């Protein structure tokens, strides 16, 4: 298969597996999504979805959020990890949204990335999932799979995002980034990976990745 055929194979397979695409983080509007994505850094979506209802019960908009102290926010979100930084970020960005954006979440990379604790990936998730603006947020799953599929050299997430945007049609970006995340979790995880279940990597995978997998499998079978 040439690269174009590989890209089409990936899109067709993911479309069959995930015709309906659930959004991993529970939210009801752009603000609650922004807070949930910020909280998900170095945590799991499952853990975040357990904690956000407790926080949003107290404050689900920037006006209520700034009535809480940073310490109160930290106490609620402590189970997701990195709570001191995240609590400061949530409190600080809520102030900025009120002071600069009339309490609304902005819809550009530049304005989002000016908010405390909001990096490029968080901004991309909010733009794509809250506003439907084409973006290709790259998380660890997408970074791993794009490398396994030989669609990027895997040097860093910036390069992976650039390659994803170059290879896949813009109108597919928002669906694809979610489909790849679900596929990575279900069929191509970092640990406990079973290549026989992973039809995409098995079909178009990078030769060195497949060789390494088979080598390890052979060693395991001899033990």
N, C-alpha and C. Protein backbone atom coordinates (compact mmCIF):
# COMPACT_ATOMS: atom_id res chain seq x y z
N UNK A 1 0.83 -1.20 0.00
CA UNK A 1 0.00 0.00 0.00
C UNK A 1 0.87 1.25 0.00
N UNK A 2 0.51 2.24 -0.82
CA UNK A 2 1.20 3.52 -0.72
C UNK A 2 0.58 4.33 0.43
N UNK A 3 1.16 5.51 0.70
CA UNK A 3 0.72 6.28 1.87
C UNK A 3 -0.76 6.67 1.79
N UNK A 4 -1.20 7.07 0.59
CA UNK A 4 -2.60 7.49 0.41
C UNK A 4 -3.54 6.31 0.70
N UNK A 5 -3.18 5.14 0.23
CA UNK A 5 -4.00 3.93 0.48
C UNK A 5 -4.02 3.59 1.97
N UNK A 6 -2.87 3.77 2.63
CA UNK A 6 -2.82 3.51 4.07
C UNK A 6 -3.74 4.46 4.83
N UNK A 7 -3.68 5.73 4.46
CA UNK A 7 -4.52 6.74 5.11
C UNK A 7 -6.00 6.40 4.92
N UNK A 8 -6.37 6.01 3.70
CA UNK A 8 -7.76 5.64 3.43
C UNK A 8 -8.17 4.39 4.21
N UNK A 9 -7.23 3.44 4.34
CA UNK A 9 -7.50 2.21 5.10
C UNK A 9 -7.77 2.56 6.57
N UNK A 10 -6.95 3.45 7.13
CA UNK A 10 -7.15 3.89 8.52
C UNK A 10 -8.53 4.54 8.68
N UNK A 11 -8.87 5.47 7.80
CA UNK A 11 -10.15 6.18 7.92
C UNK A 11 -11.34 5.23 7.76
N UNK A 12 -11.26 4.33 6.77
CA UNK A 12 -12.36 3.38 6.54
C UNK A 12 -12.56 2.44 7.73
N UNK A 13 -11.44 1.93 8.26
CA UNK A 13 -11.51 1.00 9.41
C UNK A 13 -12.10 1.68 10.63
N UNK A 14 -11.63 2.90 10.91
CA UNK A 14 -12.12 3.63 12.09
C UNK A 14 -13.59 4.00 11.93
N UNK A 15 -13.98 4.32 10.71
CA UNK A 15 -15.39 4.68 10.45
C UNK A 15 -16.31 3.49 10.70
N UNK A 16 -15.84 2.29 10.32
CA UNK A 16 -16.64 1.07 10.55
C UNK A 16 -16.73 0.77 12.04
N UNK A 17 -15.61 0.94 12.75
CA UNK A 17 -15.58 0.62 14.18
C UNK A 17 -16.31 1.64 15.03
N UNK A 18 -16.20 2.92 14.64
CA UNK A 18 -16.77 4.01 15.47
C UNK A 18 -17.61 4.96 14.63
N UNK A 19 -18.77 4.46 14.14
CA UNK A 19 -19.64 5.37 13.38
C UNK A 19 -20.22 6.47 14.28
N UNK A 20 -20.49 6.10 15.54
CA UNK A 20 -20.89 7.08 16.55
C UNK A 20 -19.68 7.29 17.45
N UNK A 21 -19.31 8.54 17.70
CA UNK A 21 -18.07 8.79 18.43
C UNK A 21 -18.37 9.50 19.75
N UNK A 22 -18.28 8.78 20.87
CA UNK A 22 -18.50 9.46 22.15
C UNK A 22 -17.33 10.37 22.52
N UNK A 23 -17.63 11.50 23.16
CA UNK A 23 -16.59 12.39 23.65
C UNK A 23 -16.15 11.87 25.02
N UNK A 24 -14.85 11.64 25.24
CA UNK A 24 -14.41 10.97 26.48
C UNK A 24 -14.69 11.73 27.77
N UNK A 25 -14.66 13.07 27.73
CA UNK A 25 -14.83 13.84 28.96
C UNK A 25 -16.25 14.40 29.05
N UNK A 26 -16.92 14.13 30.17
CA UNK A 26 -18.28 14.62 30.38
C UNK A 26 -18.28 16.14 30.54
N UNK A 27 -19.17 16.82 29.83
CA UNK A 27 -19.29 18.27 29.96
C UNK A 27 -20.63 18.70 29.38
N UNK A 28 -21.00 19.95 29.65
CA UNK A 28 -22.29 20.41 29.11
C UNK A 28 -22.16 21.68 28.26
N UNK A 29 -20.98 22.30 28.30
CA UNK A 29 -20.77 23.52 27.51
C UNK A 29 -19.26 23.76 27.39
N UNK A 30 -18.86 24.79 26.61
CA UNK A 30 -17.42 25.01 26.42
C UNK A 30 -16.64 25.22 27.72
N UNK A 31 -17.23 25.91 28.69
CA UNK A 31 -16.50 26.17 29.95
C UNK A 31 -16.23 24.86 30.71
N UNK A 32 -17.25 24.04 30.85
CA UNK A 32 -17.04 22.79 31.61
C UNK A 32 -16.11 21.84 30.85
N UNK A 33 -16.12 21.90 29.51
CA UNK A 33 -15.16 21.09 28.74
C UNK A 33 -13.74 21.60 28.98
N UNK A 34 -13.56 22.91 28.93
CA UNK A 34 -12.23 23.50 29.16
C UNK A 34 -11.67 23.06 30.51
N UNK A 35 -12.49 23.12 31.55
CA UNK A 35 -12.04 22.74 32.89
C UNK A 35 -11.72 21.24 32.94
N UNK A 36 -12.57 20.42 32.31
CA UNK A 36 -12.35 18.97 32.32
C UNK A 36 -11.06 18.61 31.59
N UNK A 37 -10.81 19.26 30.44
CA UNK A 37 -9.59 18.96 29.68
C UNK A 37 -8.36 19.39 30.47
N UNK A 38 -8.42 20.55 31.10
CA UNK A 38 -7.31 21.02 31.93
C UNK A 38 -7.01 20.01 33.04
N UNK A 39 -8.08 19.49 33.64
CA UNK A 39 -7.92 18.53 34.74
C UNK A 39 -7.37 17.19 34.28
N UNK A 40 -7.53 16.88 32.99
CA UNK A 40 -7.15 15.54 32.51
C UNK A 40 -5.64 15.37 32.29
N UNK A 41 -4.87 16.47 32.40
CA UNK A 41 -3.43 16.36 32.21
C UNK A 41 -2.83 15.37 33.21
N UNK A 42 -2.11 14.38 32.69
CA UNK A 42 -1.48 13.34 33.51
C UNK A 42 -2.48 12.66 34.46
N UNK A 43 -3.71 12.53 33.99
CA UNK A 43 -4.73 11.79 34.73
C UNK A 43 -5.52 10.99 33.71
N UNK A 44 -6.51 10.24 34.15
CA UNK A 44 -7.34 9.48 33.21
C UNK A 44 -8.70 10.15 33.07
N UNK A 45 -9.33 9.95 31.91
CA UNK A 45 -10.66 10.50 31.69
C UNK A 45 -11.65 9.95 32.70
N UNK A 46 -11.48 8.67 33.05
CA UNK A 46 -12.40 8.04 34.02
C UNK A 46 -12.32 8.78 35.35
N UNK A 47 -11.10 9.04 35.82
CA UNK A 47 -10.92 9.74 37.09
C UNK A 47 -11.50 11.16 37.02
N UNK A 48 -11.23 11.85 35.92
CA UNK A 48 -11.74 13.22 35.77
C UNK A 48 -13.27 13.23 35.78
N UNK A 49 -13.87 12.25 35.08
CA UNK A 49 -15.34 12.19 35.04
C UNK A 49 -15.96 11.87 36.40
N UNK A 50 -15.16 11.31 37.30
CA UNK A 50 -15.66 11.06 38.66
C UNK A 50 -15.63 12.34 39.50
N UNK A 51 -14.66 13.21 39.20
CA UNK A 51 -14.44 14.40 40.03
C UNK A 51 -15.18 15.64 39.52
N UNK A 52 -15.30 15.80 38.18
CA UNK A 52 -15.92 17.03 37.67
C UNK A 52 -17.35 17.25 38.18
N UNK A 53 -18.19 16.20 38.36
CA UNK A 53 -19.52 16.49 38.89
C UNK A 53 -19.48 17.16 40.28
N UNK A 54 -18.49 16.78 41.10
CA UNK A 54 -18.36 17.37 42.44
C UNK A 54 -17.98 18.85 42.33
N UNK A 55 -17.06 19.14 41.38
CA UNK A 55 -16.66 20.54 41.20
C UNK A 55 -17.78 21.35 40.57
N UNK A 56 -18.41 20.80 39.52
CA UNK A 56 -19.44 21.55 38.80
C UNK A 56 -20.72 21.72 39.62
N UNK A 57 -20.89 20.88 40.61
CA UNK A 57 -22.02 21.05 41.53
C UNK A 57 -21.85 22.35 42.32
N UNK A 58 -20.59 22.69 42.60
CA UNK A 58 -20.29 23.93 43.32
C UNK A 58 -20.17 25.12 42.36
N UNK A 59 -19.58 24.86 41.19
CA UNK A 59 -19.32 25.95 40.25
C UNK A 59 -19.18 25.40 38.84
N UNK A 60 -20.16 25.70 37.98
CA UNK A 60 -20.08 25.22 36.60
C UNK A 60 -19.98 26.39 35.61
N UNK A 61 -19.56 27.55 36.13
CA UNK A 61 -19.35 28.73 35.29
C UNK A 61 -18.29 29.60 35.96
N UNK A 62 -17.65 30.49 35.20
CA UNK A 62 -16.53 31.25 35.78
C UNK A 62 -16.94 32.14 36.95
N UNK A 63 -18.16 32.64 36.93
CA UNK A 63 -18.61 33.55 38.00
C UNK A 63 -18.70 32.83 39.34
N UNK A 64 -19.25 31.62 39.32
CA UNK A 64 -19.32 30.84 40.56
C UNK A 64 -17.93 30.32 40.95
N UNK A 65 -17.11 30.01 39.94
CA UNK A 65 -15.79 29.44 40.22
C UNK A 65 -14.92 30.42 41.00
N UNK A 66 -14.97 31.72 40.66
CA UNK A 66 -14.08 32.66 41.35
C UNK A 66 -14.58 32.96 42.77
N UNK A 67 -15.80 32.51 43.08
CA UNK A 67 -16.26 32.66 44.47
C UNK A 67 -15.62 31.62 45.38
N UNK A 68 -15.12 30.53 44.77
CA UNK A 68 -14.37 29.53 45.54
C UNK A 68 -12.93 30.00 45.68
N UNK A 69 -12.28 29.62 46.74
CA UNK A 69 -10.85 29.91 46.86
C UNK A 69 -10.07 28.85 46.08
N UNK A 70 -8.82 29.17 45.78
CA UNK A 70 -7.94 28.19 45.11
C UNK A 70 -7.84 26.93 45.97
N UNK A 71 -7.79 27.12 47.28
CA UNK A 71 -7.67 25.99 48.22
C UNK A 71 -8.92 25.09 48.17
N UNK A 72 -10.09 25.72 48.07
CA UNK A 72 -11.35 24.94 47.99
C UNK A 72 -11.39 24.12 46.69
N UNK A 73 -10.96 24.74 45.59
CA UNK A 73 -10.92 24.03 44.31
C UNK A 73 -9.95 22.86 44.41
N UNK A 74 -8.78 23.14 44.99
CA UNK A 74 -7.74 22.10 45.11
C UNK A 74 -8.23 20.90 45.91
N UNK A 75 -8.97 21.18 46.97
CA UNK A 75 -9.48 20.12 47.84
C UNK A 75 -10.43 19.20 47.06
N UNK A 76 -11.24 19.79 46.19
CA UNK A 76 -12.22 19.00 45.41
C UNK A 76 -11.51 18.16 44.35
N UNK A 77 -10.53 18.76 43.68
CA UNK A 77 -9.93 18.08 42.50
C UNK A 77 -8.68 17.27 42.85
N UNK A 78 -8.33 17.20 44.12
CA UNK A 78 -7.10 16.53 44.55
C UNK A 78 -6.91 15.13 43.94
N UNK A 79 -7.97 14.30 43.84
CA UNK A 79 -7.77 12.94 43.30
C UNK A 79 -7.24 12.87 41.86
N UNK A 80 -7.37 13.96 41.08
CA UNK A 80 -6.89 13.87 39.69
C UNK A 80 -5.39 14.15 39.58
N UNK A 81 -4.74 14.55 40.66
CA UNK A 81 -3.30 14.80 40.61
C UNK A 81 -2.96 16.20 40.12
N UNK A 82 -1.75 16.64 40.44
CA UNK A 82 -1.27 17.99 40.09
C UNK A 82 -2.27 19.07 40.53
N UNK A 83 -2.96 18.82 41.65
CA UNK A 83 -4.06 19.70 42.03
C UNK A 83 -3.65 21.14 42.37
N UNK A 84 -2.47 21.39 42.96
CA UNK A 84 -2.13 22.79 43.23
C UNK A 84 -2.07 23.63 41.95
N UNK A 85 -1.37 23.11 40.93
CA UNK A 85 -1.25 23.83 39.66
C UNK A 85 -2.60 23.96 38.96
N UNK A 86 -3.35 22.86 38.95
CA UNK A 86 -4.65 22.87 38.25
C UNK A 86 -5.65 23.80 38.93
N UNK A 87 -5.66 23.81 40.26
CA UNK A 87 -6.59 24.68 40.99
C UNK A 87 -6.27 26.15 40.71
N UNK A 88 -4.98 26.49 40.72
CA UNK A 88 -4.57 27.87 40.40
C UNK A 88 -4.99 28.23 38.98
N UNK A 89 -4.77 27.28 38.05
CA UNK A 89 -5.13 27.52 36.66
C UNK A 89 -6.62 27.74 36.48
N UNK A 90 -7.43 26.90 37.11
CA UNK A 90 -8.90 27.00 37.00
C UNK A 90 -9.38 28.34 37.55
N UNK A 91 -8.86 28.72 38.71
CA UNK A 91 -9.27 29.98 39.33
C UNK A 91 -8.81 31.17 38.49
N UNK A 92 -7.55 31.09 38.04
CA UNK A 92 -6.98 32.19 37.26
C UNK A 92 -7.66 32.37 35.92
N UNK A 93 -7.89 31.29 35.20
CA UNK A 93 -8.50 31.42 33.88
C UNK A 93 -9.96 31.87 33.99
N UNK A 94 -10.63 31.50 35.08
CA UNK A 94 -12.02 31.94 35.27
C UNK A 94 -12.07 33.46 35.43
N UNK A 95 -11.11 34.02 36.16
CA UNK A 95 -11.01 35.49 36.28
C UNK A 95 -10.80 36.14 34.92
N UNK A 96 -9.87 35.56 34.13
CA UNK A 96 -9.55 36.15 32.82
C UNK A 96 -10.76 36.07 31.88
N UNK A 97 -11.49 34.95 31.93
CA UNK A 97 -12.68 34.82 31.07
C UNK A 97 -13.69 35.92 31.39
N UNK A 98 -13.84 36.25 32.67
CA UNK A 98 -14.78 37.31 33.07
C UNK A 98 -14.24 38.69 32.66
N UNK A 99 -12.95 38.91 32.96
CA UNK A 99 -12.37 40.24 32.72
C UNK A 99 -12.17 40.56 31.24
N UNK A 100 -11.80 39.53 30.44
CA UNK A 100 -11.44 39.80 29.04
C UNK A 100 -12.45 39.29 28.01
N UNK A 101 -13.28 38.29 28.42
CA UNK A 101 -14.11 37.62 27.41
C UNK A 101 -15.59 37.54 27.80
N UNK A 102 -16.03 38.44 28.67
CA UNK A 102 -17.44 38.45 29.10
C UNK A 102 -17.91 37.10 29.64
N UNK A 103 -16.99 36.36 30.26
CA UNK A 103 -17.36 35.07 30.87
C UNK A 103 -17.45 33.92 29.88
N UNK A 104 -17.11 34.20 28.62
CA UNK A 104 -17.23 33.15 27.59
C UNK A 104 -15.85 32.59 27.23
N UNK A 105 -15.85 31.33 26.80
CA UNK A 105 -14.60 30.69 26.36
C UNK A 105 -14.28 31.18 24.95
N UNK A 106 -13.07 31.73 24.73
CA UNK A 106 -12.73 32.21 23.38
C UNK A 106 -12.57 31.07 22.38
N UNK A 107 -12.55 31.45 21.10
CA UNK A 107 -12.55 30.42 20.05
C UNK A 107 -11.33 30.52 19.14
N UNK A 108 -10.19 30.95 19.70
CA UNK A 108 -8.96 30.94 18.91
C UNK A 108 -7.84 30.31 19.74
N UNK A 109 -6.87 29.72 19.04
CA UNK A 109 -5.71 29.14 19.73
C UNK A 109 -5.02 30.21 20.59
N UNK A 110 -4.81 31.39 19.98
CA UNK A 110 -4.04 32.44 20.66
C UNK A 110 -4.68 32.82 22.00
N UNK A 111 -5.98 33.07 21.98
CA UNK A 111 -6.67 33.50 23.21
C UNK A 111 -6.75 32.37 24.23
N UNK A 112 -6.97 31.15 23.77
CA UNK A 112 -7.03 30.01 24.70
C UNK A 112 -5.67 29.75 25.35
N UNK A 113 -4.61 29.82 24.54
CA UNK A 113 -3.28 29.51 25.06
C UNK A 113 -2.74 30.62 25.97
N UNK A 114 -3.40 31.78 25.99
CA UNK A 114 -3.04 32.84 26.94
C UNK A 114 -3.56 32.53 28.35
N UNK A 115 -4.53 31.60 28.44
CA UNK A 115 -5.12 31.28 29.74
C UNK A 115 -4.16 30.41 30.55
N UNK A 116 -4.09 30.64 31.88
CA UNK A 116 -3.17 29.82 32.70
C UNK A 116 -3.51 28.34 32.63
N UNK A 117 -2.48 27.51 32.57
CA UNK A 117 -2.60 26.04 32.57
C UNK A 117 -3.24 25.48 31.29
N UNK A 118 -3.40 26.33 30.27
CA UNK A 118 -3.97 25.86 29.00
C UNK A 118 -2.86 25.83 27.95
N UNK A 119 -2.50 24.62 27.52
CA UNK A 119 -1.49 24.46 26.48
C UNK A 119 -2.14 24.23 25.13
N UNK A 120 -1.31 23.92 24.16
CA UNK A 120 -1.78 23.77 22.78
C UNK A 120 -2.79 22.63 22.64
N UNK A 121 -2.50 21.50 23.29
CA UNK A 121 -3.41 20.35 23.15
C UNK A 121 -4.78 20.65 23.77
N UNK A 122 -4.78 21.27 24.96
CA UNK A 122 -6.05 21.62 25.60
C UNK A 122 -6.85 22.57 24.70
N UNK A 123 -6.17 23.57 24.15
CA UNK A 123 -6.83 24.51 23.25
C UNK A 123 -7.43 23.79 22.05
N UNK A 124 -6.67 22.85 21.49
CA UNK A 124 -7.14 22.11 20.30
C UNK A 124 -8.37 21.27 20.62
N UNK A 125 -8.38 20.63 21.79
CA UNK A 125 -9.54 19.81 22.19
C UNK A 125 -10.78 20.70 22.32
N UNK A 126 -10.62 21.85 22.96
CA UNK A 126 -11.77 22.75 23.16
C UNK A 126 -12.28 23.27 21.81
N UNK A 127 -11.37 23.67 20.94
CA UNK A 127 -11.80 24.18 19.63
C UNK A 127 -12.56 23.12 18.85
N UNK A 128 -12.04 21.87 18.87
CA UNK A 128 -12.67 20.83 18.06
C UNK A 128 -13.96 20.32 18.69
N UNK A 129 -13.94 20.05 20.00
CA UNK A 129 -15.09 19.38 20.63
C UNK A 129 -16.17 20.35 21.10
N UNK A 130 -15.78 21.57 21.45
CA UNK A 130 -16.79 22.53 21.91
C UNK A 130 -17.35 23.37 20.77
N UNK A 131 -16.49 23.68 19.78
CA UNK A 131 -16.91 24.63 18.75
C UNK A 131 -16.92 24.05 17.34
N UNK A 132 -16.46 22.80 17.19
CA UNK A 132 -16.47 22.19 15.86
C UNK A 132 -15.46 22.79 14.90
N UNK A 133 -14.47 23.51 15.44
CA UNK A 133 -13.43 24.10 14.60
C UNK A 133 -12.38 23.01 14.32
N UNK A 134 -12.00 22.80 13.05
CA UNK A 134 -11.06 21.71 12.74
C UNK A 134 -9.75 21.85 13.52
N UNK A 135 -9.42 20.80 14.25
CA UNK A 135 -8.16 20.76 15.01
C UNK A 135 -7.77 19.28 15.13
N UNK A 136 -6.52 19.02 15.45
CA UNK A 136 -6.08 17.63 15.59
C UNK A 136 -5.26 17.49 16.86
N UNK A 137 -5.93 17.50 18.03
CA UNK A 137 -5.20 17.38 19.29
C UNK A 137 -4.48 16.03 19.35
N UNK A 138 -3.19 16.06 19.68
CA UNK A 138 -2.41 14.82 19.73
C UNK A 138 -2.13 14.45 21.18
N UNK A 139 -2.71 13.33 21.62
CA UNK A 139 -2.42 12.82 22.96
C UNK A 139 -1.47 11.63 22.82
N UNK A 140 -1.22 10.94 23.92
CA UNK A 140 -0.26 9.83 23.88
C UNK A 140 -0.73 8.70 22.95
N UNK A 141 -2.04 8.45 22.90
CA UNK A 141 -2.56 7.38 22.03
C UNK A 141 -2.29 7.71 20.56
N UNK A 142 -2.63 8.94 20.16
CA UNK A 142 -2.45 9.34 18.76
C UNK A 142 -0.96 9.34 18.39
N UNK A 143 -0.15 9.84 19.30
CA UNK A 143 1.29 9.88 19.07
C UNK A 143 1.84 8.46 18.86
N UNK A 144 1.40 7.53 19.71
CA UNK A 144 1.86 6.13 19.62
C UNK A 144 1.37 5.48 18.32
N UNK A 145 0.10 5.66 18.01
CA UNK A 145 -0.46 4.97 16.84
C UNK A 145 0.05 5.53 15.52
N UNK A 146 0.19 6.85 15.45
CA UNK A 146 0.73 7.43 14.21
C UNK A 146 2.15 6.90 13.95
N UNK A 147 2.90 6.66 15.01
CA UNK A 147 4.24 6.08 14.85
C UNK A 147 4.14 4.60 14.45
N UNK A 148 3.31 3.85 15.15
CA UNK A 148 3.14 2.43 14.82
C UNK A 148 2.67 2.24 13.38
N UNK A 149 1.85 3.17 12.90
CA UNK A 149 1.31 3.06 11.55
C UNK A 149 2.26 3.63 10.49
N UNK A 150 3.43 4.08 10.93
CA UNK A 150 4.43 4.65 10.02
C UNK A 150 3.90 5.88 9.28
N UNK A 151 3.08 6.67 9.97
CA UNK A 151 2.55 7.91 9.38
C UNK A 151 3.26 9.14 9.94
N UNK A 152 4.17 8.93 10.87
CA UNK A 152 5.01 10.01 11.38
C UNK A 152 6.29 9.38 11.93
N UNK A 153 7.34 10.19 12.07
CA UNK A 153 8.58 9.62 12.62
C UNK A 153 8.55 9.56 14.14
N UNK A 154 7.52 10.16 14.74
CA UNK A 154 7.33 10.02 16.19
C UNK A 154 8.32 10.78 17.04
N UNK A 155 9.03 11.77 16.46
CA UNK A 155 10.03 12.51 17.25
C UNK A 155 9.39 13.30 18.37
N UNK A 156 8.27 13.95 18.09
CA UNK A 156 7.56 14.72 19.13
C UNK A 156 6.12 14.95 18.68
N UNK A 157 5.28 15.41 19.63
CA UNK A 157 3.85 15.57 19.32
C UNK A 157 3.61 16.69 18.31
N UNK A 158 4.50 17.68 18.27
CA UNK A 158 4.35 18.77 17.30
C UNK A 158 4.46 18.22 15.88
N UNK A 159 5.46 17.36 15.66
CA UNK A 159 5.65 16.73 14.35
C UNK A 159 4.48 15.79 14.02
N UNK A 160 4.03 15.04 15.03
CA UNK A 160 2.91 14.11 14.81
C UNK A 160 1.65 14.88 14.40
N UNK A 161 1.39 16.01 15.06
CA UNK A 161 0.22 16.83 14.71
C UNK A 161 0.35 17.37 13.28
N UNK A 162 1.53 17.82 12.96
CA UNK A 162 1.78 18.37 11.61
C UNK A 162 1.53 17.29 10.55
N UNK A 163 2.03 16.07 10.81
CA UNK A 163 1.86 14.98 9.85
C UNK A 163 0.40 14.55 9.74
N UNK A 164 -0.29 14.50 10.88
CA UNK A 164 -1.71 14.12 10.87
C UNK A 164 -2.52 15.11 10.04
N UNK A 165 -2.23 16.39 10.23
CA UNK A 165 -2.98 17.43 9.50
C UNK A 165 -2.65 17.40 8.00
N UNK A 166 -1.43 17.00 7.69
CA UNK A 166 -1.02 16.93 6.27
C UNK A 166 -1.64 15.73 5.58
N UNK A 167 -1.76 14.61 6.30
CA UNK A 167 -2.20 13.35 5.69
C UNK A 167 -3.72 13.21 5.62
N UNK A 168 -4.40 13.66 6.67
CA UNK A 168 -5.85 13.44 6.73
C UNK A 168 -6.62 14.69 6.29
N UNK A 169 -7.77 14.50 5.61
CA UNK A 169 -8.54 15.66 5.16
C UNK A 169 -9.08 16.47 6.35
N UNK A 170 -9.04 17.78 6.20
CA UNK A 170 -9.39 18.71 7.29
C UNK A 170 -10.78 18.43 7.87
N UNK A 171 -11.72 18.10 6.99
CA UNK A 171 -13.10 17.88 7.47
C UNK A 171 -13.23 16.62 8.33
N UNK A 172 -12.19 15.79 8.33
CA UNK A 172 -12.22 14.55 9.12
C UNK A 172 -11.47 14.69 10.46
N UNK A 173 -10.71 15.78 10.64
CA UNK A 173 -9.83 15.88 11.80
C UNK A 173 -10.55 15.67 13.13
N UNK A 174 -11.68 16.36 13.30
CA UNK A 174 -12.35 16.33 14.62
C UNK A 174 -12.85 14.94 14.97
N UNK A 175 -13.38 14.23 13.98
CA UNK A 175 -13.83 12.84 14.23
C UNK A 175 -12.64 11.92 14.42
N UNK A 176 -11.65 12.07 13.53
CA UNK A 176 -10.52 11.14 13.53
C UNK A 176 -9.73 11.15 14.82
N UNK A 177 -9.49 12.33 15.39
CA UNK A 177 -8.66 12.34 16.59
C UNK A 177 -9.34 11.57 17.72
N UNK A 178 -10.68 11.64 17.77
CA UNK A 178 -11.40 10.86 18.79
C UNK A 178 -11.42 9.37 18.44
N UNK A 179 -11.65 9.06 17.17
CA UNK A 179 -11.67 7.65 16.75
C UNK A 179 -10.33 6.97 17.03
N UNK A 180 -9.22 7.69 16.77
CA UNK A 180 -7.89 7.10 17.01
C UNK A 180 -7.68 6.88 18.51
N UNK A 181 -8.13 7.82 19.34
CA UNK A 181 -8.00 7.65 20.80
C UNK A 181 -8.74 6.39 21.25
N UNK A 182 -9.99 6.24 20.81
CA UNK A 182 -10.77 5.05 21.22
C UNK A 182 -10.11 3.77 20.70
N UNK A 183 -9.63 3.82 19.46
CA UNK A 183 -8.97 2.64 18.88
C UNK A 183 -7.71 2.30 19.68
N UNK A 184 -6.93 3.31 20.02
CA UNK A 184 -5.71 3.08 20.79
C UNK A 184 -5.98 2.43 22.13
N UNK A 185 -7.03 2.91 22.79
CA UNK A 185 -7.37 2.33 24.09
C UNK A 185 -7.85 0.89 23.95
N UNK A 186 -8.62 0.65 22.91
CA UNK A 186 -9.28 -0.66 22.77
C UNK A 186 -8.41 -1.72 22.10
N UNK A 187 -7.69 -1.32 21.04
CA UNK A 187 -7.01 -2.32 20.22
C UNK A 187 -5.49 -2.18 20.16
N UNK A 188 -4.96 -1.01 20.51
CA UNK A 188 -3.52 -0.81 20.34
C UNK A 188 -2.91 -0.06 21.53
N UNK A 189 -3.09 -0.61 22.73
CA UNK A 189 -2.59 0.08 23.93
C UNK A 189 -1.07 0.01 24.04
N UNK A 190 -0.52 0.82 24.92
CA UNK A 190 0.93 0.81 25.14
C UNK A 190 1.34 -0.49 25.83
N UNK A 191 0.53 -0.92 26.79
CA UNK A 191 0.83 -2.16 27.53
C UNK A 191 -0.27 -3.20 27.28
N UNK A 192 0.11 -4.47 27.29
CA UNK A 192 -0.89 -5.53 27.07
C UNK A 192 -1.40 -5.53 25.64
N UNK A 193 -0.54 -5.16 24.72
CA UNK A 193 -0.93 -5.03 23.31
C UNK A 193 -0.95 -6.39 22.64
N UNK A 194 -2.07 -6.69 21.97
CA UNK A 194 -2.22 -7.94 21.22
C UNK A 194 -2.36 -7.58 19.74
N UNK A 195 -1.30 -7.80 18.99
CA UNK A 195 -1.29 -7.39 17.58
C UNK A 195 -2.40 -8.06 16.78
N UNK A 196 -2.78 -9.28 17.16
CA UNK A 196 -3.83 -9.98 16.42
C UNK A 196 -5.17 -9.23 16.49
N UNK A 197 -5.37 -8.48 17.56
CA UNK A 197 -6.60 -7.69 17.70
C UNK A 197 -6.50 -6.34 16.98
N UNK A 198 -5.26 -5.94 16.66
CA UNK A 198 -5.00 -4.60 16.14
C UNK A 198 -4.88 -4.65 14.62
N UNK A 199 -6.02 -4.66 13.94
CA UNK A 199 -6.07 -4.86 12.49
C UNK A 199 -5.31 -3.78 11.72
N UNK A 200 -5.33 -2.54 12.21
CA UNK A 200 -4.67 -1.46 11.46
C UNK A 200 -3.15 -1.63 11.50
N UNK A 201 -2.60 -1.79 12.71
CA UNK A 201 -1.14 -1.94 12.80
C UNK A 201 -0.69 -3.22 12.10
N UNK A 202 -1.48 -4.27 12.24
CA UNK A 202 -1.14 -5.55 11.61
C UNK A 202 -1.06 -5.41 10.08
N UNK A 203 -1.91 -4.53 9.54
CA UNK A 203 -1.98 -4.37 8.09
C UNK A 203 -0.97 -3.36 7.55
N UNK A 204 -0.78 -2.24 8.25
CA UNK A 204 0.06 -1.17 7.68
C UNK A 204 1.21 -0.77 8.60
N UNK A 205 1.44 -1.53 9.67
CA UNK A 205 2.40 -1.13 10.70
C UNK A 205 3.83 -0.96 10.21
N UNK A 206 4.55 -0.12 10.91
CA UNK A 206 5.98 0.12 10.66
C UNK A 206 6.73 -1.20 10.84
N UNK A 207 7.60 -1.53 9.92
CA UNK A 207 8.29 -2.84 9.95
C UNK A 207 9.07 -3.04 11.25
N UNK A 208 9.77 -2.01 11.71
CA UNK A 208 10.57 -2.18 12.94
C UNK A 208 9.68 -2.46 14.15
N UNK A 209 8.51 -1.85 14.18
CA UNK A 209 7.56 -2.06 15.29
C UNK A 209 7.04 -3.50 15.26
N UNK A 210 6.69 -3.97 14.07
CA UNK A 210 6.17 -5.35 13.93
C UNK A 210 7.26 -6.37 14.26
N UNK A 211 8.47 -6.11 13.77
CA UNK A 211 9.58 -7.03 14.06
C UNK A 211 9.85 -7.12 15.55
N UNK A 212 9.85 -5.97 16.22
CA UNK A 212 10.10 -5.92 17.66
C UNK A 212 9.01 -6.67 18.43
N UNK A 213 7.76 -6.48 18.00
CA UNK A 213 6.63 -7.17 18.63
C UNK A 213 6.79 -8.68 18.50
N UNK A 214 7.08 -9.13 17.28
CA UNK A 214 7.19 -10.58 17.01
C UNK A 214 8.38 -11.19 17.74
N UNK A 215 9.46 -10.41 17.86
CA UNK A 215 10.64 -10.87 18.59
C UNK A 215 10.29 -11.12 20.07
N UNK A 216 9.61 -10.14 20.66
CA UNK A 216 9.20 -10.27 22.07
C UNK A 216 8.24 -11.43 22.26
N UNK A 217 7.34 -11.59 21.28
CA UNK A 217 6.35 -12.67 21.36
C UNK A 217 7.05 -14.04 21.35
N UNK A 218 8.07 -14.15 20.48
CA UNK A 218 8.83 -15.40 20.37
C UNK A 218 9.55 -15.73 21.68
N UNK A 219 10.14 -14.67 22.28
CA UNK A 219 10.84 -14.87 23.56
C UNK A 219 9.87 -15.33 24.63
N UNK A 220 8.69 -14.68 24.67
CA UNK A 220 7.67 -15.06 25.67
C UNK A 220 7.22 -16.50 25.50
N UNK A 221 7.08 -16.93 24.24
CA UNK A 221 6.59 -18.28 23.98
C UNK A 221 7.60 -19.36 24.40
N UNK A 222 8.88 -18.96 24.44
CA UNK A 222 9.91 -19.92 24.84
C UNK A 222 10.06 -20.01 26.35
N UNK A 223 9.54 -19.02 27.06
CA UNK A 223 9.71 -19.01 28.51
C UNK A 223 8.79 -20.03 29.21
